[in-house]
């Protein structure tokens, strides 16, 4: 079984990047990290349990690259992790063209630096996984910052107040009325349907 999604399309590029740091395989990356007392694979799973396998291994590769590079600050480590993420971007893809992996590394470096004071994240209703990841980043960033990072997480869609207002008129009485209305409309619709059937389809010989 392949180690992660689209393995055959990714592995040559990944190995080429790893070779620059004297690492022989993706699996070795995890061993390098474990030898230092942490497991990026499990950390990623802990933040977002439903993530793809290539996300877990991409961060593992990035962390191993950071260790092999001998970086001294969390911000520099984040940039090296970005190199690992970029190695997983398939050539010709939008992620490769836009350097998404390097961008993630640079974003992490910004959040880990005290020069950045606030992190504002806008998530659509379909982006809860990304939001969870952003929250995980923010929680971890303060471990290496001198001043806590202020975080503003905005979600698109409808908030709880809107939903409460929408359902406020609904009670047991209005619920019963709604069900009765549905039944009456169904009966009326069935009645007219029978009339239409006899008037048009039976005369046309379509049905007996």
Protein backbone atom coordinates (compact mmCIF):
# COMPACT_ATOMS: atom_id res chain seq x y z
CA UNK A 1 0.00 0.00 0.00
CA UNK A 2 1.28 3.46 -0.93
CA UNK A 3 2.54 5.58 1.94
CA UNK A 4 0.43 8.59 0.92
CA UNK A 5 -1.89 9.83 -1.83
CA UNK A 6 -0.52 10.13 -5.41
CA UNK A 7 2.70 8.50 -4.21
CA UNK A 8 4.09 7.73 -7.67
CA UNK A 9 3.55 11.30 -8.86
CA UNK A 10 5.25 12.83 -5.82
CA UNK A 11 8.04 10.57 -4.63
CA UNK A 12 10.78 11.41 -7.19
CA UNK A 13 10.55 15.10 -6.46
CA UNK A 14 10.46 14.45 -2.69
CA UNK A 15 13.51 12.21 -2.83
CA UNK A 16 15.36 14.83 -4.87
CA UNK A 17 14.79 17.41 -2.14
CA UNK A 18 15.70 14.95 0.63
CA UNK A 19 18.96 14.08 -1.12
CA UNK A 20 20.05 17.70 -0.75
CA UNK A 21 19.97 17.20 3.02
CA UNK A 22 21.50 13.73 3.11
CA UNK A 23 18.21 11.96 3.85
CA UNK A 24 17.51 8.72 2.02
CA UNK A 25 13.74 8.31 2.36
CA UNK A 26 10.47 9.70 3.68
CA UNK A 27 10.43 6.99 6.33
CA UNK A 28 13.87 8.08 7.54
CA UNK A 29 12.47 11.57 8.08
CA UNK A 30 10.09 10.24 10.70
CA UNK A 31 12.88 8.35 12.43
CA UNK A 32 15.02 11.51 12.50
CA UNK A 33 12.21 13.39 14.21
CA UNK A 34 11.42 10.59 16.66
CA UNK A 35 15.08 10.50 17.67
CA UNK A 36 14.65 14.13 18.75
CA UNK A 37 11.61 13.26 20.84
CA UNK A 38 8.67 14.24 18.66
CA UNK A 39 6.58 12.79 15.84
CA UNK A 40 5.25 15.32 13.29
CA UNK A 41 3.01 12.66 11.76
CA UNK A 42 1.07 12.21 15.00
CA UNK A 43 1.08 15.95 15.73
CA UNK A 44 -0.65 16.65 12.41
CA UNK A 45 -3.17 13.87 13.06
CA UNK A 46 -3.82 15.32 16.49
CA UNK A 47 -4.64 18.75 15.06
CA UNK A 48 -6.75 17.47 12.16
CA UNK A 49 -7.72 13.76 12.41
CA UNK A 50 -9.33 13.67 8.94
CA UNK A 51 -6.32 15.07 7.07
CA UNK A 52 -4.80 13.25 4.10
CA UNK A 53 -1.76 11.07 4.60
CA UNK A 54 0.35 13.31 2.39
CA UNK A 55 -0.23 16.17 4.84
CA UNK A 56 1.18 14.10 7.71
CA UNK A 57 4.19 13.01 5.71
CA UNK A 58 4.80 16.44 4.18
CA UNK A 59 5.17 18.00 7.63
CA UNK A 60 7.33 15.07 8.70
CA UNK A 61 9.63 15.67 5.73
CA UNK A 62 9.71 19.39 6.47
CA UNK A 63 10.55 18.86 10.13
CA UNK A 64 13.40 16.49 9.24
CA UNK A 65 14.77 19.04 6.78
CA UNK A 66 14.68 21.68 9.52
CA UNK A 67 16.58 19.40 11.89
CA UNK A 68 19.17 18.53 9.26
CA UNK A 69 19.63 22.22 8.46
CA UNK A 70 20.54 23.01 12.04
CA UNK A 71 18.25 26.04 12.26
CA UNK A 72 18.19 27.83 15.62
CA UNK A 73 14.86 29.67 15.64
CA UNK A 74 11.26 28.53 15.27
CA UNK A 75 10.71 30.98 12.41
CA UNK A 76 13.65 29.55 10.45
CA UNK A 77 12.38 26.04 11.15
CA UNK A 78 8.99 27.01 9.73
CA UNK A 79 10.60 28.15 6.50
CA UNK A 80 12.45 24.84 6.18
CA UNK A 81 9.22 22.97 6.87
CA UNK A 82 7.79 24.93 3.96
CA UNK A 83 10.43 23.36 1.72
CA UNK A 84 9.18 19.95 2.77
CA UNK A 85 5.59 20.93 2.03
CA UNK A 86 6.58 22.28 -1.36
CA UNK A 87 8.28 19.02 -2.25
CA UNK A 88 4.86 17.33 -2.05
CA UNK A 89 3.31 19.73 -4.59
CA UNK A 90 2.96 17.91 -7.90
CA UNK A 91 4.75 19.51 -10.86
CA UNK A 92 2.31 21.39 -13.06
CA UNK A 93 -0.31 21.71 -10.32
CA UNK A 94 -1.73 24.98 -9.04
CA UNK A 95 -0.07 24.27 -5.68
CA UNK A 96 3.30 24.01 -7.39
CA UNK A 97 2.81 27.08 -9.56
CA UNK A 98 1.74 29.21 -6.61
CA UNK A 99 4.40 27.79 -4.27
CA UNK A 100 1.77 26.89 -1.71
CA UNK A 101 4.18 24.86 0.45
CA UNK A 102 6.71 27.67 0.71
CA UNK A 103 3.85 30.06 1.39
CA UNK A 104 2.68 27.96 4.33
CA UNK A 105 6.21 27.92 5.69
CA UNK A 106 6.51 31.69 5.37
CA UNK A 107 3.14 32.16 7.07
CA UNK A 108 4.28 29.97 9.94
CA UNK A 109 7.47 31.99 10.23
CA UNK A 110 5.45 35.21 10.43
CA UNK A 111 3.23 33.84 13.19
CA UNK A 112 6.26 32.67 15.16
CA UNK A 113 7.92 36.06 14.95
CA UNK A 114 7.14 38.77 17.51
CA UNK A 115 7.05 41.26 14.67
CA UNK A 116 3.59 39.88 13.85
CA UNK A 117 1.07 41.01 16.43
CA UNK A 118 -2.23 39.61 15.13
CA UNK A 119 -3.42 36.69 13.00
CA UNK A 120 -6.77 37.19 11.25
CA UNK A 121 -8.20 34.08 9.60
CA UNK A 122 -11.31 34.01 7.42
CA UNK A 123 -12.90 30.57 6.99
CA UNK A 124 -15.90 29.60 4.90
CA UNK A 125 -18.41 27.09 6.20
CA UNK A 126 -16.63 24.45 4.12
CA UNK A 127 -13.24 25.37 5.61
CA UNK A 128 -13.61 24.06 9.16
CA UNK A 129 -10.60 21.77 8.66
CA UNK A 130 -8.46 24.76 7.71
CA UNK A 131 -9.81 26.69 10.67
CA UNK A 132 -8.87 23.88 13.06
CA UNK A 133 -5.38 23.90 11.60
CA UNK A 134 -5.14 27.66 12.05
CA UNK A 135 -6.23 27.39 15.67
CA UNK A 136 -3.60 24.70 16.24
CA UNK A 137 -0.93 26.96 14.77
CA UNK A 138 -1.97 29.87 16.96
CA UNK A 139 -1.92 27.76 20.12
CA UNK A 140 1.57 26.49 19.39
CA UNK A 141 3.01 29.82 18.29
CA UNK A 142 2.84 31.35 21.75
CA UNK A 143 5.29 28.77 23.09
CA UNK A 144 8.16 30.52 21.33
CA UNK A 145 6.87 34.08 21.23
CA UNK A 146 7.67 36.73 23.84
CA UNK A 147 4.24 38.28 23.38
CA UNK A 148 1.11 36.21 22.80
CA UNK A 149 -0.28 36.28 19.29
CA UNK A 150 -3.73 37.82 19.03
CA UNK A 151 -6.01 35.68 16.88
CA UNK A 152 -9.19 36.68 15.07
CA UNK A 153 -11.09 33.80 13.47
CA UNK A 154 -14.00 34.85 11.27
CA UNK A 155 -16.39 32.27 9.83
CA UNK A 156 -18.51 32.89 6.75
CA UNK A 157 -22.10 31.72 6.72
CA UNK A 158 -24.79 32.11 9.37
CA UNK A 159 -24.03 32.65 13.01
CA UNK A 160 -25.88 31.17 15.99
CA UNK A 161 -27.94 34.34 16.54
CA UNK A 162 -29.31 34.20 12.99
CA UNK A 163 -30.21 30.53 13.33
CA UNK A 164 -31.94 31.15 16.67
CA UNK A 165 -33.98 33.97 15.11
CA UNK A 166 -34.93 31.79 12.17
CA UNK A 167 -36.26 28.98 14.35
CA UNK A 168 -37.72 31.12 17.12
CA UNK A 169 -41.32 31.09 15.69
CA UNK A 170 -41.33 27.30 15.56
CA UNK A 171 -43.08 25.59 18.47
CA UNK A 172 -45.19 22.45 18.87
CA UNK A 173 -48.31 24.26 17.59
CA UNK A 174 -46.69 25.69 14.47
CA UNK A 175 -45.03 22.33 13.83
CA UNK A 176 -48.40 20.53 13.80
CA UNK A 177 -49.87 23.18 11.51
CA UNK A 178 -46.94 22.78 9.13
CA UNK A 179 -47.39 19.00 8.97
CA UNK A 180 -51.14 19.36 8.33
CA UNK A 181 -50.48 21.90 5.60
CA UNK A 182 -48.08 19.50 3.91
CA UNK A 183 -50.63 16.67 4.05
CA UNK A 184 -53.45 18.86 2.70
CA UNK A 185 -51.27 20.12 -0.14
CA UNK A 186 -50.27 16.54 -0.95
CA UNK A 187 -53.91 15.43 -1.12
CA UNK A 188 -54.92 18.40 -3.25
CA UNK A 189 -51.98 17.79 -5.56
CA UNK A 190 -52.93 14.11 -5.87
CA UNK A 191 -56.54 15.01 -6.68
CA UNK A 192 -55.57 17.39 -9.46
CA UNK A 193 -53.06 14.87 -10.73
CA UNK A 194 -55.80 12.24 -11.13
CA UNK A 195 -57.97 14.75 -12.99
CA UNK A 196 -55.14 15.62 -15.36
CA UNK A 197 -54.44 11.94 -15.92
CA UNK A 198 -58.01 11.23 -17.01
CA UNK A 199 -58.37 14.40 -19.04
CA UNK A 200 -55.23 14.11 -21.11
CA UNK A 201 -53.32 10.84 -20.82
CA UNK A 202 -56.29 8.41 -20.93
CA UNK A 203 -57.89 10.23 -23.85
CA UNK A 204 -54.58 10.12 -25.69
CA UNK A 205 -54.31 6.38 -25.07
CA UNK A 206 -51.05 6.73 -23.20
CA UNK A 207 -52.44 4.96 -20.14
CA UNK A 208 -55.36 2.57 -19.82
